[in-house]
Amino acid sequence: MTTNFLWNPGTSNSGLAATAFDLMTTELNSLANLAYATSSGTFSNSNPAQAIWAQLFLTLGAVTSATSGSNICGWFARSYDGGTNYEQVAQAPARHPDFIFPVFVGAITGGSIWGASGLIALPALKFKVVVQNNLGATLAGSANTIKAAPVNMQAV
């Protein structure tokens, strides 16, 4: 028997399993090059309505000059005990990033949006978000966000 997997149409065929939600906002403001930021909120699998996949989007305020190889990379710092203890968040967890936003070189116009590379697996456990600014420049003082747009597949 062959099973085909299709995107679940979501609400009104929007493709979303749940409304897109903010993972980070003001935590990104004025983030220096090579510095880390941690989400002020914590998240659980109820935020994306139990969707296991998401497409992530980064919106940046104006940046004067991003350098070669620019990106914002991030990790889901997970909790093994329901939200009391998390992977360390003072800097990046000692593993590959869970998502990367490649950003082009040069000046960035405020309001520019980038998608993360690939479809992102969301944690089943409670989590926080940790990001590192690798743009070669400080982020703008406002208008920076990371949003998660949860999506599902269906077997037919």
N, C-alpha and C. Protein backbone atom coordinates (compact mmCIF):
# COMPACT_ATOMS: atom_id res chain seq x y z
N MET A 1 0.84 -1.17 0.00
CA MET A 1 0.00 0.00 0.00
C MET A 1 0.88 1.24 0.00
N THR A 2 0.57 2.18 -0.84
CA THR A 2 1.32 3.42 -0.92
C THR A 2 0.57 4.52 -0.18
N THR A 3 1.31 5.27 0.61
CA THR A 3 0.72 6.42 1.30
C THR A 3 1.32 7.67 0.70
N ASN A 4 0.48 8.59 0.31
CA ASN A 4 0.94 9.88 -0.18
C ASN A 4 0.75 10.90 0.93
N PHE A 5 1.68 11.82 1.02
CA PHE A 5 1.58 12.89 2.00
C PHE A 5 1.36 14.20 1.27
N LEU A 6 0.35 14.93 1.71
CA LEU A 6 0.02 16.22 1.14
C LEU A 6 0.02 17.25 2.26
N TRP A 7 0.20 18.51 1.88
CA TRP A 7 0.06 19.57 2.87
C TRP A 7 -1.39 19.63 3.32
N ASN A 8 -1.60 19.71 4.61
CA ASN A 8 -2.93 19.90 5.15
C ASN A 8 -3.38 21.32 4.77
N PRO A 9 -4.59 21.48 4.24
CA PRO A 9 -4.98 22.81 3.77
C PRO A 9 -5.10 23.86 4.86
N GLY A 10 -5.24 23.46 6.11
CA GLY A 10 -5.35 24.43 7.19
C GLY A 10 -6.68 25.16 7.14
N THR A 11 -6.80 26.19 7.95
CA THR A 11 -8.02 26.97 8.02
C THR A 11 -8.23 27.75 6.74
N SER A 12 -9.37 27.60 6.10
CA SER A 12 -9.72 28.32 4.88
C SER A 12 -8.65 28.17 3.80
N ASN A 13 -7.99 27.01 3.78
CA ASN A 13 -6.92 26.71 2.83
C ASN A 13 -5.77 27.72 2.88
N SER A 14 -5.52 28.27 4.07
CA SER A 14 -4.40 29.20 4.24
C SER A 14 -3.07 28.46 4.29
N GLY A 15 -3.13 27.15 4.54
CA GLY A 15 -1.91 26.37 4.70
C GLY A 15 -1.42 26.34 6.13
N LEU A 16 -1.94 27.19 6.99
CA LEU A 16 -1.48 27.24 8.38
C LEU A 16 -2.28 26.29 9.25
N ALA A 17 -1.57 25.55 10.11
CA ALA A 17 -2.24 24.69 11.08
C ALA A 17 -2.80 25.52 12.23
N ALA A 18 -2.19 26.66 12.47
CA ALA A 18 -2.62 27.61 13.49
C ALA A 18 -2.12 28.98 13.05
N THR A 19 -2.61 30.01 13.66
CA THR A 19 -2.16 31.36 13.33
C THR A 19 -0.66 31.50 13.59
N ALA A 20 0.04 32.16 12.68
CA ALA A 20 1.47 32.42 12.88
C ALA A 20 1.64 33.20 14.19
N PHE A 21 2.73 32.91 14.91
CA PHE A 21 2.95 33.56 16.21
C PHE A 21 4.40 34.01 16.35
N ASP A 22 4.61 35.01 17.20
CA ASP A 22 5.95 35.56 17.44
C ASP A 22 6.76 34.64 18.34
N LEU A 23 7.98 34.36 17.91
CA LEU A 23 8.94 33.68 18.77
C LEU A 23 9.83 34.70 19.48
N MET A 24 10.19 35.78 18.76
CA MET A 24 11.01 36.84 19.34
C MET A 24 10.60 38.17 18.72
N THR A 25 10.67 39.23 19.53
CA THR A 25 10.41 40.58 19.02
C THR A 25 11.47 41.52 19.61
N THR A 26 11.14 42.21 20.69
CA THR A 26 12.05 43.21 21.24
C THR A 26 13.39 42.64 21.72
N GLU A 27 13.46 41.34 21.94
CA GLU A 27 14.73 40.72 22.36
C GLU A 27 15.82 40.90 21.29
N LEU A 28 15.38 41.09 20.03
CA LEU A 28 16.33 41.25 18.93
C LEU A 28 16.81 42.69 18.75
N ASN A 29 16.11 43.64 19.34
CA ASN A 29 16.44 45.05 19.12
C ASN A 29 17.83 45.40 19.62
N SER A 30 18.61 46.04 18.75
CA SER A 30 19.98 46.50 19.04
C SER A 30 20.92 45.36 19.42
N LEU A 31 20.65 44.15 18.94
CA LEU A 31 21.51 43.01 19.24
C LEU A 31 22.83 43.16 18.48
N ALA A 32 23.93 43.20 19.21
CA ALA A 32 25.25 43.41 18.62
C ALA A 32 25.68 42.21 17.79
N ASN A 33 26.59 42.44 16.87
CA ASN A 33 27.16 41.34 16.08
C ASN A 33 27.79 40.31 17.01
N LEU A 34 27.56 39.05 16.74
CA LEU A 34 28.05 37.88 17.47
C LEU A 34 27.42 37.72 18.86
N ALA A 35 26.49 38.60 19.23
CA ALA A 35 25.81 38.48 20.52
C ALA A 35 24.63 37.53 20.41
N TYR A 36 24.19 37.04 21.57
CA TYR A 36 23.07 36.11 21.68
C TYR A 36 21.89 36.81 22.34
N ALA A 37 20.69 36.37 21.98
CA ALA A 37 19.47 36.83 22.65
C ALA A 37 18.60 35.61 22.93
N THR A 38 17.86 35.66 24.02
CA THR A 38 16.96 34.57 24.41
C THR A 38 15.54 35.12 24.48
N SER A 39 14.58 34.33 24.00
CA SER A 39 13.18 34.77 24.03
C SER A 39 12.74 35.04 25.46
N SER A 40 11.92 36.07 25.62
CA SER A 40 11.40 36.38 26.95
C SER A 40 10.29 35.41 27.32
N GLY A 41 9.61 34.86 26.31
CA GLY A 41 8.54 33.90 26.55
C GLY A 41 9.02 32.47 26.41
N THR A 42 8.21 31.56 26.94
CA THR A 42 8.43 30.13 26.73
C THR A 42 7.29 29.62 25.88
N PHE A 43 7.54 28.53 25.18
CA PHE A 43 6.58 27.99 24.23
C PHE A 43 6.38 26.51 24.51
N SER A 44 5.22 26.02 24.11
CA SER A 44 4.94 24.59 24.22
C SER A 44 4.31 24.15 22.91
N ASN A 45 4.02 22.86 22.80
CA ASN A 45 3.43 22.38 21.54
C ASN A 45 1.99 22.87 21.36
N SER A 46 1.44 23.56 22.35
CA SER A 46 0.11 24.14 22.16
C SER A 46 0.16 25.43 21.32
N ASN A 47 1.29 26.15 21.32
CA ASN A 47 1.40 27.38 20.52
C ASN A 47 1.14 27.14 19.04
N PRO A 48 1.72 26.07 18.44
CA PRO A 48 1.43 25.80 17.03
C PRO A 48 0.27 24.82 16.83
N ALA A 49 -0.58 24.65 17.84
CA ALA A 49 -1.71 23.71 17.77
C ALA A 49 -1.23 22.29 17.50
N GLN A 50 -0.17 21.90 18.16
CA GLN A 50 0.46 20.57 18.07
C GLN A 50 1.06 20.26 16.70
N ALA A 51 1.19 21.26 15.83
CA ALA A 51 1.87 21.03 14.54
C ALA A 51 3.33 20.70 14.84
N ILE A 52 3.90 19.79 14.08
CA ILE A 52 5.29 19.42 14.31
C ILE A 52 6.25 20.15 13.38
N TRP A 53 5.72 20.88 12.41
CA TRP A 53 6.55 21.61 11.45
C TRP A 53 6.16 23.07 11.43
N ALA A 54 7.11 23.92 11.08
CA ALA A 54 6.82 25.34 10.89
C ALA A 54 7.76 25.90 9.84
N GLN A 55 7.32 26.94 9.21
CA GLN A 55 8.19 27.77 8.40
C GLN A 55 8.43 29.02 9.22
N LEU A 56 9.71 29.39 9.38
CA LEU A 56 10.07 30.54 10.21
C LEU A 56 10.42 31.72 9.32
N PHE A 57 10.08 32.91 9.80
CA PHE A 57 10.32 34.14 9.04
C PHE A 57 10.95 35.19 9.95
N LEU A 58 11.99 35.83 9.43
CA LEU A 58 12.71 36.89 10.12
C LEU A 58 12.39 38.21 9.43
N THR A 59 11.96 39.20 10.20
CA THR A 59 11.80 40.56 9.69
C THR A 59 12.80 41.43 10.43
N LEU A 60 13.55 42.23 9.67
CA LEU A 60 14.57 43.09 10.27
C LEU A 60 14.25 44.55 10.03
N GLY A 61 14.62 45.38 11.01
CA GLY A 61 14.65 46.81 10.80
C GLY A 61 15.87 47.13 9.94
N ALA A 62 16.08 48.37 9.62
CA ALA A 62 17.20 48.77 8.76
C ALA A 62 18.54 48.44 9.41
N VAL A 63 19.44 47.85 8.60
CA VAL A 63 20.80 47.54 9.02
C VAL A 63 21.73 48.18 8.00
N THR A 64 22.74 48.90 8.46
CA THR A 64 23.59 49.65 7.53
C THR A 64 24.39 48.78 6.59
N SER A 65 24.96 47.69 7.08
CA SER A 65 25.80 46.89 6.19
C SER A 65 26.03 45.49 6.74
N ALA A 66 25.35 44.51 6.17
CA ALA A 66 25.59 43.11 6.53
C ALA A 66 26.80 42.62 5.73
N THR A 67 27.63 41.80 6.34
CA THR A 67 28.87 41.35 5.70
C THR A 67 28.70 39.98 5.05
N SER A 68 29.73 39.53 4.35
CA SER A 68 29.71 38.25 3.66
C SER A 68 29.42 37.11 4.63
N GLY A 69 28.57 36.18 4.22
CA GLY A 69 28.21 35.03 5.05
C GLY A 69 27.22 35.37 6.14
N SER A 70 26.53 36.50 6.00
CA SER A 70 25.61 36.97 7.04
C SER A 70 24.46 36.00 7.29
N ASN A 71 24.12 35.86 8.57
CA ASN A 71 22.96 35.04 8.95
C ASN A 71 22.56 35.35 10.38
N ILE A 72 21.37 34.95 10.69
CA ILE A 72 20.89 34.88 12.07
C ILE A 72 20.61 33.40 12.28
N CYS A 73 21.28 32.79 13.25
CA CYS A 73 21.03 31.37 13.50
C CYS A 73 20.38 31.22 14.87
N GLY A 74 19.65 30.11 15.04
CA GLY A 74 18.91 29.94 16.28
C GLY A 74 18.74 28.50 16.72
N TRP A 75 18.42 28.37 17.97
CA TRP A 75 18.23 27.08 18.61
C TRP A 75 16.95 27.10 19.45
N PHE A 76 16.33 25.95 19.56
CA PHE A 76 15.25 25.76 20.50
C PHE A 76 15.88 25.17 21.76
N ALA A 77 15.91 25.94 22.84
CA ALA A 77 16.45 25.46 24.11
C ALA A 77 15.32 24.73 24.83
N ARG A 78 15.42 23.42 24.87
CA ARG A 78 14.31 22.58 25.35
C ARG A 78 14.38 22.32 26.86
N SER A 79 13.23 22.02 27.41
CA SER A 79 13.10 21.68 28.83
C SER A 79 12.70 20.22 28.96
N TYR A 80 13.43 19.47 29.77
CA TYR A 80 13.10 18.05 29.96
C TYR A 80 12.07 17.82 31.06
N ASP A 81 11.73 18.89 31.80
CA ASP A 81 10.86 18.69 32.96
C ASP A 81 9.64 19.61 32.98
N GLY A 82 9.16 19.97 31.80
CA GLY A 82 7.93 20.76 31.73
C GLY A 82 8.11 22.25 31.94
N GLY A 83 9.34 22.76 31.86
CA GLY A 83 9.54 24.20 31.92
C GLY A 83 10.27 24.74 33.12
N THR A 84 10.83 23.87 33.96
CA THR A 84 11.62 24.34 35.10
C THR A 84 13.08 24.53 34.70
N ASN A 85 13.65 23.56 34.02
CA ASN A 85 15.05 23.60 33.59
C ASN A 85 15.13 23.53 32.07
N TYR A 86 16.02 24.34 31.51
CA TYR A 86 16.21 24.41 30.06
C TYR A 86 17.67 24.18 29.71
N GLU A 87 17.91 23.77 28.46
CA GLU A 87 19.28 23.79 27.97
C GLU A 87 19.82 25.18 28.24
N GLN A 88 21.13 25.30 28.42
CA GLN A 88 21.71 26.61 28.74
C GLN A 88 21.39 27.62 27.65
N VAL A 89 21.16 28.87 28.04
CA VAL A 89 20.77 29.90 27.08
C VAL A 89 21.67 31.14 27.13
N ALA A 90 22.77 31.09 27.86
CA ALA A 90 23.68 32.24 27.91
C ALA A 90 24.39 32.42 26.58
N GLN A 91 24.49 31.35 25.84
CA GLN A 91 25.04 31.35 24.48
C GLN A 91 24.41 30.17 23.77
N ALA A 92 24.94 29.83 22.62
CA ALA A 92 24.34 28.75 21.83
C ALA A 92 24.52 27.40 22.52
N PRO A 93 23.50 26.55 22.45
CA PRO A 93 23.70 25.16 22.89
C PRO A 93 24.83 24.52 22.06
N ALA A 94 25.49 23.56 22.62
CA ALA A 94 26.64 22.93 21.96
C ALA A 94 26.19 21.90 20.93
N ARG A 95 25.46 22.38 19.92
CA ARG A 95 25.00 21.53 18.83
C ARG A 95 24.67 22.43 17.64
N HIS A 96 24.44 21.83 16.50
CA HIS A 96 24.11 22.61 15.31
C HIS A 96 22.84 23.43 15.53
N PRO A 97 22.73 24.58 14.86
CA PRO A 97 21.50 25.38 14.99
C PRO A 97 20.28 24.61 14.50
N ASP A 98 19.14 24.91 15.10
CA ASP A 98 17.87 24.33 14.64
C ASP A 98 17.34 25.07 13.42
N PHE A 99 17.76 26.32 13.24
CA PHE A 99 17.34 27.09 12.05
C PHE A 99 18.38 28.15 11.74
N ILE A 100 18.43 28.53 10.47
CA ILE A 100 19.34 29.58 10.00
C ILE A 100 18.59 30.46 9.01
N PHE A 101 18.74 31.76 9.19
CA PHE A 101 18.22 32.74 8.23
C PHE A 101 19.41 33.31 7.47
N PRO A 102 19.67 32.84 6.24
CA PRO A 102 20.74 33.47 5.46
C PRO A 102 20.29 34.88 5.04
N VAL A 103 21.18 35.84 5.13
CA VAL A 103 20.86 37.23 4.80
C VAL A 103 21.88 37.74 3.81
N PHE A 104 21.43 38.51 2.82
CA PHE A 104 22.37 38.98 1.80
C PHE A 104 23.30 40.07 2.33
N VAL A 105 24.38 40.28 1.59
CA VAL A 105 25.41 41.26 1.94
C VAL A 105 24.93 42.67 1.58
N GLY A 106 25.28 43.65 2.40
CA GLY A 106 24.99 45.04 2.10
C GLY A 106 23.95 45.63 3.04
N ALA A 107 23.45 46.79 2.65
CA ALA A 107 22.45 47.48 3.45
C ALA A 107 21.12 46.73 3.39
N ILE A 108 20.45 46.68 4.52
CA ILE A 108 19.15 46.00 4.61
C ILE A 108 18.08 47.06 4.85
N THR A 109 17.09 47.07 3.99
CA THR A 109 15.96 47.99 4.13
C THR A 109 15.05 47.50 5.25
N GLY A 110 14.62 48.39 6.11
CA GLY A 110 13.71 48.03 7.19
C GLY A 110 12.45 47.37 6.65
N GLY A 111 12.02 46.31 7.32
CA GLY A 111 10.83 45.58 6.88
C GLY A 111 11.14 44.42 5.96
N SER A 112 12.42 44.21 5.65
CA SER A 112 12.80 43.08 4.79
C SER A 112 12.55 41.77 5.52
N ILE A 113 12.07 40.77 4.78
CA ILE A 113 11.69 39.47 5.38
C ILE A 113 12.52 38.37 4.74
N TRP A 114 13.02 37.46 5.57
CA TRP A 114 13.73 36.27 5.12
C TRP A 114 13.09 35.03 5.71
N GLY A 115 13.07 33.96 4.95
CA GLY A 115 12.61 32.67 5.44
C GLY A 115 13.81 31.85 5.90
N ALA A 116 13.61 31.04 6.92
CA ALA A 116 14.67 30.13 7.38
C ALA A 116 14.91 29.06 6.33
N SER A 117 16.11 28.53 6.33
CA SER A 117 16.44 27.45 5.40
C SER A 117 15.71 26.18 5.81
N GLY A 118 14.86 25.69 4.93
CA GLY A 118 14.18 24.43 5.15
C GLY A 118 12.95 24.52 6.03
N LEU A 119 12.26 23.39 6.11
CA LEU A 119 11.11 23.22 6.98
C LEU A 119 11.65 22.91 8.37
N ILE A 120 11.16 23.57 9.39
CA ILE A 120 11.73 23.47 10.73
C ILE A 120 10.87 22.57 11.62
N ALA A 121 11.53 21.58 12.24
CA ALA A 121 10.84 20.70 13.20
C ALA A 121 10.72 21.43 14.53
N LEU A 122 9.50 21.53 15.03
CA LEU A 122 9.26 22.18 16.32
C LEU A 122 9.43 21.17 17.45
N PRO A 123 9.94 21.61 18.60
CA PRO A 123 10.10 20.69 19.73
C PRO A 123 8.76 20.21 20.28
N ALA A 124 8.74 18.99 20.77
CA ALA A 124 7.56 18.46 21.46
C ALA A 124 7.51 18.99 22.89
N LEU A 125 8.67 19.33 23.43
CA LEU A 125 8.79 19.78 24.81
C LEU A 125 8.67 21.30 24.90
N LYS A 126 8.49 21.81 26.12
CA LYS A 126 8.53 23.27 26.29
C LYS A 126 9.90 23.76 25.87
N PHE A 127 9.94 25.00 25.34
CA PHE A 127 11.22 25.52 24.86
C PHE A 127 11.26 27.04 24.91
N LYS A 128 12.48 27.56 24.87
CA LYS A 128 12.77 28.97 24.66
C LYS A 128 13.53 29.04 23.34
N VAL A 129 13.72 30.24 22.82
CA VAL A 129 14.45 30.42 21.57
C VAL A 129 15.71 31.23 21.87
N VAL A 130 16.84 30.78 21.33
CA VAL A 130 18.12 31.48 21.45
C VAL A 130 18.60 31.77 20.03
N VAL A 131 19.02 33.01 19.77
CA VAL A 131 19.56 33.35 18.46
C VAL A 131 20.91 34.02 18.60
N GLN A 132 21.70 33.94 17.53
CA GLN A 132 22.96 34.65 17.45
C GLN A 132 22.95 35.52 16.20
N ASN A 133 23.36 36.77 16.36
CA ASN A 133 23.47 37.71 15.26
C ASN A 133 24.84 37.53 14.60
N ASN A 134 24.84 37.08 13.36
CA ASN A 134 26.08 36.91 12.59
C ASN A 134 26.05 37.78 11.33
N LEU A 135 25.52 38.98 11.44
CA LEU A 135 25.41 39.88 10.29
C LEU A 135 26.66 40.72 10.07
N GLY A 136 27.53 40.81 11.07
CA GLY A 136 28.66 41.72 10.97
C GLY A 136 28.26 43.14 11.30
N ALA A 137 27.06 43.34 11.82
CA ALA A 137 26.52 44.65 12.19
C ALA A 137 25.50 44.48 13.30
N THR A 138 25.26 45.55 14.04
CA THR A 138 24.23 45.54 15.09
C THR A 138 22.86 45.63 14.46
N LEU A 139 21.89 44.89 14.99
CA LEU A 139 20.51 44.97 14.50
C LEU A 139 19.91 46.32 14.86
N ALA A 140 18.90 46.70 14.09
CA ALA A 140 18.19 47.96 14.34
C ALA A 140 17.59 47.96 15.74
N GLY A 141 17.27 49.16 16.23
CA GLY A 141 16.71 49.31 17.56
C GLY A 141 15.24 48.95 17.66
N SER A 142 14.60 48.67 16.51
CA SER A 142 13.19 48.28 16.52
C SER A 142 12.85 47.53 15.23
N ALA A 143 11.64 47.02 15.17
CA ALA A 143 11.06 46.38 13.97
C ALA A 143 11.70 45.04 13.61
N ASN A 144 12.23 44.31 14.59
CA ASN A 144 12.81 42.99 14.36
C ASN A 144 11.90 41.92 14.95
N THR A 145 11.58 40.90 14.18
CA THR A 145 10.75 39.80 14.70
C THR A 145 11.16 38.48 14.08
N ILE A 146 10.89 37.41 14.80
CA ILE A 146 10.93 36.05 14.25
C ILE A 146 9.56 35.45 14.49
N LYS A 147 8.93 35.00 13.42
CA LYS A 147 7.59 34.41 13.49
C LYS A 147 7.65 32.95 13.06
N ALA A 148 6.79 32.14 13.67
CA ALA A 148 6.62 30.74 13.27
C ALA A 148 5.25 30.59 12.61
N ALA A 149 5.23 29.99 11.44
CA ALA A 149 3.99 29.70 10.72
C ALA A 149 3.82 28.19 10.69
N PRO A 150 3.03 27.62 11.63
CA PRO A 150 2.90 26.17 11.74
C PRO A 150 2.15 25.55 10.57
N VAL A 151 2.67 24.43 10.06
CA VAL A 151 2.06 23.71 8.95
C VAL A 151 2.00 22.23 9.29
N ASN A 152 1.07 21.53 8.67
CA ASN A 152 0.92 20.09 8.87
C ASN A 152 0.84 19.36 7.54
N MET A 153 1.15 18.09 7.59
CA MET A 153 0.94 17.22 6.43
C MET A 153 -0.18 16.26 6.77
N GLN A 154 -0.79 15.70 5.74
CA GLN A 154 -1.82 14.68 5.94
C GLN A 154 -1.51 13.49 5.06
N ALA A 155 -1.76 12.32 5.58
CA ALA A 155 -1.58 11.09 4.82
C ALA A 155 -2.88 10.80 4.07
N VAL A 156 -2.77 10.49 2.78
CA VAL A 156 -3.95 10.17 1.99
C VAL A 156 -3.73 8.87 1.24
